[in-house]
Amino acid sequence: MGLLLIVLGSAVAGFAIGRWIGLLVPLGVWCGIAIFLVLNNGWYGAGWGDFGIAWNLIAAILSIVATAAAIGLRHAVHRPRPTTD
């Protein structure tokens, strides 16, 4: 459930920021999570299961894709309309 919240939060942040620099939000979040897990030797703890690390990688990729899609959606929605003179 927490991974889904990170994906949705990244998409909301991307739409709210509306600039391509907003892709740094999920990258920063996932770098922070990875650093935490490496420093605390958390990659191999209880509860990860056989597919645990892969779920984190899938969620990281999905959050970056969702952020890019939200930024693209904002650009499409807020596109200036052409004027005819």
Protein backbone atom coordinates (compact mmCIF):
# COMPACT_ATOMS: atom_id res chain seq x y z
CA MET A 1 0.00 0.00 0.00
CA GLY A 2 2.87 2.35 0.76
CA LEU A 3 4.35 1.86 -2.68
CA LEU A 4 1.04 2.78 -4.28
CA LEU A 5 0.94 5.99 -2.25
CA ILE A 6 4.42 6.91 -3.47
CA VAL A 7 3.33 6.34 -7.09
CA LEU A 8 0.15 8.40 -6.67
CA GLY A 9 1.97 11.12 -4.74
CA SER A 10 4.58 11.39 -7.46
CA ALA A 11 1.88 11.76 -10.11
CA VAL A 12 0.12 14.47 -8.09
CA ALA A 13 3.41 16.28 -7.53
CA GLY A 14 4.21 16.10 -11.23
CA PHE A 15 0.83 17.57 -12.16
CA ALA A 16 1.14 20.27 -9.49
CA ILE A 17 4.68 21.26 -10.51
CA GLY A 18 3.95 21.05 -14.22
CA ARG A 19 7.58 21.26 -15.29
CA TRP A 20 9.93 18.51 -16.39
CA ILE A 21 12.18 19.28 -13.44
CA GLY A 22 9.40 17.64 -11.42
CA LEU A 23 10.87 14.27 -12.37
CA LEU A 24 13.42 14.93 -9.65
CA VAL A 25 10.70 14.32 -7.04
CA PRO A 26 10.38 10.53 -7.53
CA LEU A 27 14.09 10.20 -8.24
CA GLY A 28 14.87 11.88 -4.92
CA VAL A 29 12.34 9.78 -3.03
CA TRP A 30 13.65 6.51 -4.43
CA CYS A 31 17.29 7.48 -3.93
CA GLY A 32 16.46 8.27 -0.31
CA ILE A 33 14.73 4.91 0.15
CA ALA A 34 17.63 3.06 -1.48
CA ILE A 35 20.22 4.84 0.69
CA PHE A 36 18.19 4.05 3.81
CA LEU A 37 17.92 0.38 2.89
CA VAL A 38 21.61 0.06 2.05
CA LEU A 39 22.77 1.77 5.25
CA ASN A 40 20.45 -0.32 7.43
CA ASN A 41 21.04 -3.58 5.57
CA GLY A 42 17.32 -3.66 4.88
CA TRP A 43 17.41 -5.34 1.49
CA TYR A 44 17.32 -8.81 3.00
CA GLY A 45 15.10 -8.38 6.04
CA ALA A 46 12.02 -10.36 6.97
CA GLY A 47 8.94 -9.81 4.87
CA TRP A 48 10.64 -9.10 1.55
CA GLY A 49 9.90 -12.50 0.07
CA ASP A 50 11.20 -13.67 -3.27
CA PHE A 51 9.77 -10.75 -5.22
CA GLY A 52 10.19 -7.94 -2.65
CA ILE A 53 13.02 -6.01 -4.25
CA ALA A 54 11.44 -6.37 -7.68
CA TRP A 55 8.22 -4.75 -6.36
CA ASN A 56 10.28 -1.76 -5.25
CA LEU A 57 11.90 -1.48 -8.66
CA ILE A 58 8.54 -1.77 -10.42
CA ALA A 59 7.06 0.90 -8.13
CA ALA A 60 10.06 3.17 -8.78
CA ILE A 61 9.65 2.85 -12.53
CA LEU A 62 5.88 3.36 -12.29
CA SER A 63 6.29 6.48 -10.16
CA ILE A 64 8.68 8.02 -12.68
CA VAL A 65 6.36 7.12 -15.57
CA ALA A 66 3.32 8.42 -13.67
CA THR A 67 5.10 11.70 -12.93
CA ALA A 68 6.07 12.13 -16.58
CA ALA A 69 2.51 11.34 -17.68
CA ALA A 70 1.07 13.85 -15.21
CA ILE A 71 3.46 16.55 -16.39
CA GLY A 72 2.54 15.78 -20.00
CA LEU A 73 -1.15 15.91 -19.11
CA ARG A 74 -0.72 19.29 -17.49
CA HIS A 75 1.09 20.57 -20.58
CA ALA A 76 -1.75 19.26 -22.77
CA VAL A 77 -4.47 20.76 -20.58
CA HIS A 78 -2.85 24.15 -20.11
CA ARG A 79 -1.66 24.57 -23.67
CA PRO A 80 -2.16 28.15 -24.86
CA ARG A 81 -4.80 28.39 -27.52
CA PRO A 82 -3.71 29.76 -30.89
CA THR A 83 -5.09 33.16 -31.75
CA THR A 84 -6.42 34.05 -35.14
CA ASP A 85 -6.14 37.64 -36.25
